[in-house]
C-alpha atoms as a PDB file:
ATOM      1  CA  LEU A   1      73.774  92.876  96.287  1.00  0.00           C
ATOM      2  CA  ILE A   2      77.426  92.064  96.931  1.00  0.00           C
ATOM      3  CA  THR A   3      77.431  94.462  99.893  1.00  0.00           C
ATOM      4  CA  ILE A   4      74.229  92.984 101.348  1.00  0.00           C
ATOM      5  CA  MET A   5      75.535  89.424 101.009  1.00  0.00           C
ATOM      6  CA  THR A   6      78.835  90.442 102.597  1.00  0.00           C
ATOM      7  CA  ILE A   7      77.086  92.075 105.577  1.00  0.00           C
ATOM      8  CA  LYS A   8      74.766  89.097 106.058  1.00  0.00           C
ATOM      9  CA  TYR A   9      77.204  86.197 105.707  1.00  0.00           C
ATOM     10  CA  MET A  10      80.749  87.519 106.229  1.00  0.00           C
ATOM     11  CA  GLU A  11      80.592  90.550 108.547  1.00  0.00           C
ATOM     12  CA  LYS A  12      80.429  89.235 112.134  1.00  0.00           C
ATOM     13  CA  LYS A  13      80.501  92.504 114.100  1.00  0.00           C
ATOM     14  CA  ILE A  14      77.316  93.986 112.622  1.00  0.00           C
ATOM     15  CA  ASN A  15      75.424  90.672 112.767  1.00  0.00           C
ATOM     16  CA  PHE A  16      72.834  91.927 110.283  1.00  0.00           C
ATOM     17  CA  LYS A  17      69.400  90.318 110.111  1.00  0.00           C
ATOM     18  CA  ALA A  18      66.705  91.256 107.594  1.00  0.00           C
ATOM     19  CA  LYS A  19      64.022  91.580 110.298  1.00  0.00           C
ATOM     20  CA  ALA A  20      66.053  94.421 111.829  1.00  0.00           C
ATOM     21  CA  LEU A  21      64.896  96.585 108.910  1.00  0.00           C
ATOM     22  CA  LEU A  22      61.343  96.457 110.260  1.00  0.00           C
ATOM     23  CA  LYS A  23      62.261  97.734 113.722  1.00  0.00           C
ATOM     24  CA  TRP A  24      61.723 101.384 114.680  1.00  0.00           C
ATOM     25  CA  ASP A  25      64.198 102.854 117.152  1.00  0.00           C
ATOM     26  CA  LYS A  26      63.309 106.383 118.297  1.00  0.00           C
ATOM     27  CA  VAL A  27      66.719 106.977 119.856  1.00  0.00           C
ATOM     28  CA  LEU A  28      68.511 105.895 116.673  1.00  0.00           C
ATOM     29  CA  VAL A  29      66.276 108.071 114.480  1.00  0.00           C
ATOM     30  CA  LYS A  30      66.851 111.049 116.763  1.00  0.00           C
ATOM     31  CA  ASP A  31      70.621 110.527 116.700  1.00  0.00           C
ATOM     32  CA  TYR A  32      70.571 109.979 112.941  1.00  0.00           C
ATOM     33  CA  ILE A  33      68.760 113.270 112.347  1.00  0.00           C
ATOM     34  CA  LYS A  34      71.046 115.106 114.779  1.00  0.00           C
ATOM     35  CA  VAL A  35      74.255 113.794 113.213  1.00  0.00           C
ATOM     36  CA  GLY A  36      73.126 113.127 109.642  1.00  0.00           C
ATOM     37  CA  GLY A  37      70.983 116.243 109.179  1.00  0.00           C
ATOM     38  CA  PRO A  38      73.933 118.651 108.997  1.00  0.00           C
ATOM     39  CA  VAL A  39      75.716 116.286 106.595  1.00  0.00           C
ATOM     40  CA  LEU A  40      72.702 116.200 104.260  1.00  0.00           C
ATOM     41  CA  GLY A  41      72.297 119.980 104.470  1.00  0.00           C
ATOM     42  CA  ASN A  42      76.043 120.452 104.013  1.00  0.00           C
ATOM     43  CA  GLU A  43      76.179 118.394 100.824  1.00  0.00           C
ATOM     44  CA  LEU A  44      73.025 119.986  99.390  1.00  0.00           C
ATOM     45  CA  ILE A  45      74.087 123.587 100.014  1.00  0.00           C
ATOM     46  CA  TRP A  46      77.643 122.818  98.894  1.00  0.00           C
ATOM     47  CA  ALA A  47      76.261 121.438  95.612  1.00  0.00           C
ATOM     48  CA  LEU A  48      74.267 124.641  95.122  1.00  0.00           C
ATOM     49  CA  GLY A  49      77.435 126.592  95.883  1.00  0.00           C
ATOM     50  CA  SER A  50      79.323 124.642  93.239  1.00  0.00           C
ATOM     51  CA  ALA A  51      76.603 125.591  90.748  1.00  0.00           C
ATOM     52  CA  ALA A  52      76.971 129.246  91.764  1.00  0.00           C
ATOM     53  CA  LEU A  53      80.753 129.054  91.266  1.00  0.00           C
ATOM     54  CA  ALA A  54      80.206 127.498  87.828  1.00  0.00           C
ATOM     55  CA  PHE A  55      77.829 130.358  86.976  1.00  0.00           C
ATOM     56  CA  ILE A  56      80.458 132.957  87.894  1.00  0.00           C
ATOM     57  CA  ILE A  57      83.157 131.137  85.918  1.00  0.00           C
ATOM     58  CA  ALA A  58      80.788 130.999  82.931  1.00  0.00           C
ATOM     59  CA  LYS A  59      80.521 134.801  83.134  1.00  0.00           C
ATOM     60  CA  LEU A  60      84.296 135.004  82.666  1.00  0.00           C
ATOM     61  CA  GLY A  61      84.066 133.597  79.138  1.00  0.00           C
ATOM     62  CA  ASN A  62      84.246 130.358  77.192  1.00  0.00           C
ATOM     63  CA  GLU A  63      88.011 130.108  77.614  1.00  0.00           C
ATOM     64  CA  ALA A  64      87.663 130.232  81.405  1.00  0.00           C
ATOM     65  CA  VAL A  65      85.000 127.514  81.342  1.00  0.00           C
ATOM     66  CA  ALA A  66      87.165 125.261  79.180  1.00  0.00           C
ATOM     67  CA  ALA A  67      90.274 125.916  81.292  1.00  0.00           C
ATOM     68  CA  ASN A  68      88.389 125.179  84.503  1.00  0.00           C
ATOM     69  CA  SER A  69      87.122 121.944  82.972  1.00  0.00           C
ATOM     70  CA  ILE A  70      90.693 120.901  82.218  1.00  0.00           C
ATOM     71  CA  TYR A  71      91.792 121.655  85.780  1.00  0.00           C
ATOM     72  CA  SER A  72      88.782 119.793  87.213  1.00  0.00           C
ATOM     73  CA  THR A  73      89.971 116.654  85.433  1.00  0.00           C
ATOM     74  CA  VAL A  74      93.466 117.073  86.892  1.00  0.00           C
ATOM     75  CA  TYR A  75      92.064 117.744  90.369  1.00  0.00           C
ATOM     76  CA  GLN A  76      89.915 114.615  90.280  1.00  0.00           C
ATOM     77  CA  PHE A  77      93.066 112.614  89.611  1.00  0.00           C
ATOM     78  CA  THR A  78      95.319 114.274  92.200  1.00  0.00           C
ATOM     79  CA  SER A  79      92.654 114.513  94.933  1.00  0.00           C
ATOM     80  CA  ILE A  80      92.179 110.731  95.065  1.00  0.00           C
ATOM     81  CA  PHE A  81      94.916 110.604  97.695  1.00  0.00           C
ATOM     82  CA  ILE A  82      93.377 113.133 100.068  1.00  0.00           C
ATOM     83  CA  MET A  83      89.855 111.746  99.659  1.00  0.00           C
ATOM     84  CA  GLY A  84      91.078 108.265 100.482  1.00  0.00           C
ATOM     85  CA  ALA A  85      93.037 109.568 103.474  1.00  0.00           C
ATOM     86  CA  GLY A  86      90.036 111.590 104.674  1.00  0.00           C
ATOM     87  CA  ASN A  87      87.666 108.637 104.569  1.00  0.00           C
ATOM     88  CA  ALA A  88      90.265 106.423 106.255  1.00  0.00           C
ATOM     89  CA  ALA A  89      90.709 109.093 108.944  1.00  0.00           C
ATOM     90  CA  ALA A  90      86.949 109.083 109.600  1.00  0.00           C
ATOM     91  CA  VAL A  91      86.988 105.320 110.173  1.00  0.00           C
ATOM     92  CA  ILE A  92      90.068 105.457 112.405  1.00  0.00           C
ATOM     93  CA  ILE A  93      88.860 108.355 114.561  1.00  0.00           C
ATOM     94  CA  GLY A  94      85.334 106.926 114.771  1.00  0.00           C
ATOM     95  CA  ASN A  95      86.642 103.586 115.991  1.00  0.00           C
ATOM     96  CA  ILE A  96      88.980 105.103 118.578  1.00  0.00           C
ATOM     97  CA  ILE A  97      86.327 107.470 119.961  1.00  0.00           C
ATOM     98  CA  GLY A  98      83.884 104.558 120.032  1.00  0.00           C
ATOM     99  CA  GLU A  99      86.371 102.757 122.275  1.00  0.00           C
ATOM    100  CA  GLU A 100      86.543 105.937 124.428  1.00  0.00           C
ATOM    101  CA  LYS A 101      90.303 106.234 123.895  1.00  0.00           C
ATOM    102  CA  TYR A 102      90.235 110.011 123.707  1.00  0.00           C
ATOM    103  CA  ASP A 103      93.952 110.571 124.334  1.00  0.00           C
ATOM    104  CA  VAL A 104      94.777 108.174 121.515  1.00  0.00           C
ATOM    105  CA  ALA A 105      92.307 110.019 119.276  1.00  0.00           C
ATOM    106  CA  LYS A 106      94.068 113.329 119.993  1.00  0.00           C
ATOM    107  CA  SER A 107      97.444 111.751 119.263  1.00  0.00           C
ATOM    108  CA  TYR A 108      96.192 110.254 115.992  1.00  0.00           C
ATOM    109  CA  THR A 109      94.647 113.577 115.011  1.00  0.00           C
ATOM    110  CA  LYS A 110      98.052 115.267 115.154  1.00  0.00           C
ATOM    111  CA  LYS A 111      99.538 112.523 112.975  1.00  0.00           C
ATOM    112  CA  LEU A 112      96.666 112.818 110.490  1.00  0.00           C
ATOM    113  CA  ILE A 113      97.270 116.567 110.198  1.00  0.00           C
ATOM    114  CA  VAL A 114     100.899 115.884 109.285  1.00  0.00           C
ATOM    115  CA  ILE A 115      99.723 113.311 106.717  1.00  0.00           C
ATOM    116  CA  ALA A 116      97.303 115.909 105.301  1.00  0.00           C
ATOM    117  CA  ILE A 117     100.095 118.455 104.866  1.00  0.00           C
ATOM    118  CA  VAL A 118     102.411 115.908 103.217  1.00  0.00           C
ATOM    119  CA  LEU A 119      99.683 114.686 100.854  1.00  0.00           C
ATOM    120  CA  GLY A 120      98.762 118.291 100.045  1.00  0.00           C
ATOM    121  CA  ILE A 121     102.349 119.127  99.113  1.00  0.00           C
ATOM    122  CA  ILE A 122     102.647 115.963  97.005  1.00  0.00           C
ATOM    123  CA  GLY A 123      99.328 116.672  95.258  1.00  0.00           C
ATOM    124  CA  GLY A 124     100.366 120.249  94.518  1.00  0.00           C
ATOM    125  CA  LEU A 125     103.718 119.146  93.100  1.00  0.00           C
ATOM    126  CA  ILE A 126     102.052 116.484  90.931  1.00  0.00           C
ATOM    127  CA  THR A 127      99.663 119.126  89.596  1.00  0.00           C
ATOM    128  CA  LEU A 128     102.560 121.415  88.687  1.00  0.00           C
ATOM    129  CA  ILE A 129     104.524 118.605  87.058  1.00  0.00           C
ATOM    130  CA  ILE A 130     101.758 117.109  84.920  1.00  0.00           C
ATOM    131  CA  ARG A 131     100.009 120.308  83.809  1.00  0.00           C
ATOM    132  CA  PRO A 132     102.000 120.810  80.564  1.00  0.00           C
ATOM    133  CA  TYR A 133     101.462 117.166  79.620  1.00  0.00           C
ATOM    134  CA  VAL A 134      97.739 117.435  80.337  1.00  0.00           C
ATOM    135  CA  ILE A 135      97.508 120.544  78.158  1.00  0.00           C
ATOM    136  CA  MET A 136      99.155 118.608  75.306  1.00  0.00           C
ATOM    137  CA  MET A 137      96.165 116.225  75.269  1.00  0.00           C
ATOM    138  CA  TYR A 138      93.808 119.099  74.446  1.00  0.00           C
ATOM    139  CA  GLY A 139      94.961 119.873  70.932  1.00  0.00           C
ATOM    140  CA  ASN A 140      91.592 121.282  69.857  1.00  0.00           C
ATOM    141  CA  VAL A 141      91.481 124.187  72.348  1.00  0.00           C
ATOM    142  CA  SER A 142      92.786 127.687  71.736  1.00  0.00           C
ATOM    143  CA  ASP A 143      96.167 128.929  72.930  1.00  0.00           C
ATOM    144  CA  LEU A 144      94.390 131.361  75.251  1.00  0.00           C
ATOM    145  CA  THR A 145      92.495 128.504  76.889  1.00  0.00           C
ATOM    146  CA  LYS A 146      95.745 126.562  77.330  1.00  0.00           C
ATOM    147  CA  SER A 147      97.410 129.599  78.900  1.00  0.00           C
ATOM    148  CA  ILE A 148      94.518 130.145  81.321  1.00  0.00           C
ATOM    149  CA  ALA A 149      94.443 126.441  82.193  1.00  0.00           C
ATOM    150  CA  MET A 150      98.174 126.505  83.010  1.00  0.00           C
ATOM    151  CA  GLN A 151      97.655 129.484  85.315  1.00  0.00           C
ATOM    152  CA  ILE A 152      94.559 128.013  86.965  1.00  0.00           C
ATOM    153  CA  MET A 153      96.409 124.761  87.630  1.00  0.00           C
ATOM    154  CA  ALA A 154      99.235 126.759  89.219  1.00  0.00           C
ATOM    155  CA  VAL A 155      96.667 128.406  91.523  1.00  0.00           C
ATOM    156  CA  GLY A 156      95.164 124.982  92.253  1.00  0.00           C
ATOM    157  CA  ALA A 157      98.592 123.563  93.072  1.00  0.00           C
ATOM    158  CA  GLY A 158      99.206 126.457  95.468  1.00  0.00           C
ATOM    159  CA  ILE A 159      96.035 125.852  97.491  1.00  0.00           C
ATOM    160  CA  PHE A 160      96.195 122.050  97.310  1.00  0.00           C
ATOM    161  CA  VAL A 161      97.693 121.745 100.786  1.00  0.00           C
ATOM    162  CA  PHE A 162      94.774 123.775 102.188  1.00  0.00           C
ATOM    163  CA  GLN A 163      92.295 121.532 100.396  1.00  0.00           C
ATOM    164  CA  SER A 164      94.020 118.483 101.813  1.00  0.00           C
ATOM    165  CA  LEU A 165      93.940 119.914 105.332  1.00  0.00           C
ATOM    166  CA  SER A 166      90.292 120.941 105.135  1.00  0.00           C
ATOM    167  CA  PHE A 167      89.158 117.579 103.747  1.00  0.00           C
ATOM    168  CA  ILE A 168      91.037 115.430 106.241  1.00  0.00           C
ATOM    169  CA  LEU A 169      90.294 117.738 109.187  1.00  0.00           C
ATOM    170  CA  MET A 170      86.592 118.197 108.472  1.00  0.00           C
ATOM    171  CA  ILE A 171      85.468 115.095 106.601  1.00  0.00           C
ATOM    172  CA  GLY A 172      87.921 112.776 108.326  1.00  0.00           C
ATOM    173  CA  ILE A 173      88.556 113.954 111.861  1.00  0.00           C
ATOM    174  CA  LEU A 174      85.518 116.089 112.757  1.00  0.00           C
ATOM    175  CA  ARG A 175      82.842 114.046 110.978  1.00  0.00           C
ATOM    176  CA  GLY A 176      84.568 110.868 112.119  1.00  0.00           C
ATOM    177  CA  GLY A 177      84.293 112.173 115.666  1.00  0.00           C
ATOM    178  CA  GLY A 178      80.600 112.993 115.225  1.00  0.00           C
ATOM    179  CA  ASP A 179      80.914 116.788 114.946  1.00  0.00           C
ATOM    180  CA  THR A 180      78.962 117.315 111.743  1.00  0.00           C
ATOM    181  CA  ARG A 181      77.482 120.653 112.802  1.00  0.00           C
ATOM    182  CA  PHE A 182      80.764 122.586 112.788  1.00  0.00           C
ATOM    183  CA  VAL A 183      81.678 121.116 109.388  1.00  0.00           C
ATOM    184  CA  PHE A 184      78.310 122.291 108.064  1.00  0.00           C
ATOM    185  CA  LEU A 185      78.743 125.822 109.440  1.00  0.00           C
ATOM    186  CA  ALA A 186      82.345 126.145 108.221  1.00  0.00           C
ATOM    187  CA  ASP A 187      81.663 124.770 104.738  1.00  0.00           C
ATOM    188  CA  VAL A 188      78.540 126.822 104.131  1.00  0.00           C
ATOM    189  CA  SER A 189      79.675 130.106 105.686  1.00  0.00           C
ATOM    190  CA  PHE A 190      83.066 130.354 103.954  1.00  0.00           C
ATOM    191  CA  LEU A 191      81.620 129.318 100.596  1.00  0.00           C
ATOM    192  CA  TRP A 192      78.462 131.459 100.598  1.00  0.00           C
ATOM    193  CA  LEU A 193      79.601 134.441 102.670  1.00  0.00           C
ATOM    194  CA  ILE A 194      83.135 134.855 101.300  1.00  0.00           C
ATOM    195  CA  ALA A 195      84.055 132.948  98.124  1.00  0.00           C
ATOM    196  CA  ILE A 196      80.851 133.365  96.101  1.00  0.00           C
ATOM    197  CA  PRO A 197      80.048 137.058  96.820  1.00  0.00           C
ATOM    198  CA  LEU A 198      83.680 138.191  96.553  1.00  0.00           C
ATOM    199  CA  GLY A 199      84.174 136.107  93.410  1.00  0.00           C
ATOM    200  CA  TYR A 200      81.044 137.610  91.856  1.00  0.00           C
ATOM    201  CA  ILE A 201      82.172 141.137  92.673  1.00  0.00           C
ATOM    202  CA  ALA A 202      85.686 140.509  91.324  1.00  0.00           C
ATOM    203  CA  GLY A 203      84.731 138.660  88.140  1.00  0.00           C
ATOM    204  CA  VAL A 204      81.329 140.020  87.145  1.00  0.00           C
ATOM    205  CA  VAL A 205      81.165 143.508  88.659  1.00  0.00           C
ATOM    206  CA  LEU A 206      84.811 144.662  88.591  1.00  0.00           C
ATOM    207  CA  LYS A 207      85.769 142.534  85.546  1.00  0.00           C
ATOM    208  CA  TRP A 208      89.043 141.393  87.091  1.00  0.00           C
ATOM    209  CA  PRO A 209      91.331 139.043  85.111  1.00  0.00           C
ATOM    210  CA  ILE A 210      90.468 135.343  85.260  1.00  0.00           C
ATOM    211  CA  VAL A 211      93.345 134.120  87.447  1.00  0.00           C
ATOM    212  CA  PRO A 212      92.911 136.467  90.474  1.00  0.00           C
ATOM    213  CA  THR A 213      89.147 135.973  90.220  1.00  0.00           C
ATOM    214  CA  TYR A 214      89.636 132.202  90.244  1.00  0.00           C
ATOM    215  CA  LEU A 215      91.869 132.480  93.315  1.00  0.00           C
ATOM    216  CA  ILE A 216      89.125 134.418  95.125  1.00  0.00           C
ATOM    217  CA  LEU A 217      86.534 131.806  94.102  1.00  0.00           C
ATOM    218  CA  ARG A 218      88.690 129.127  95.729  1.00  0.00           C
ATOM    219  CA  CYS A 219      89.712 131.161  98.782  1.00  0.00           C
ATOM    220  CA  ASP A 220      87.177 129.361 101.002  1.00  0.00           C
ATOM    221  CA  GLU A 221      89.607 126.431 101.085  1.00  0.00           C
ATOM    222  CA  ILE A 222      92.247 128.649 102.642  1.00  0.00           C
END
């Protein structure tokens, strides 16, 4: 309700009117399906991929599941920076391309890549620094779980810069510029053709240790 009231009474660029909801625009619908379709498919298949990764981790044992849960909490905290930067990048690039300032868009893209690398390094360092203090909060878990969690967080810290780059490049720059199809193909192919099958072979078939298996499960980011 707050958003609707803001759009109706405060936002002057959109100039929203309720009767506009009743209009049918074939061109808009066609563009929406063309641009939004890959995004919808991307998010759906990525969610299924996340479930598949969780299934493989579950096969590694209860300690691996608990350790991964601990790292997920840490990642949600440290990834706030890159998610914010990625969404901001989408707005910036979308606006500049909408103004047809393509040279400016290219220049900004280079700057955003530098920002992604810096934020990735900072996020990785924060993960390394806070991991022992995070582990201290979980007094009811086994020592083995704590040890695995420490190692998993070290792996996560190592690939954080790649996660930052992929999020800002794909969600920010490419989606912001309207190229949702490539993002869909890249996300789906690397997750389902590389990370999931190789992770399953390493963890379930070959019974590799948890840490190298976890690295393979996250290798799609790299």
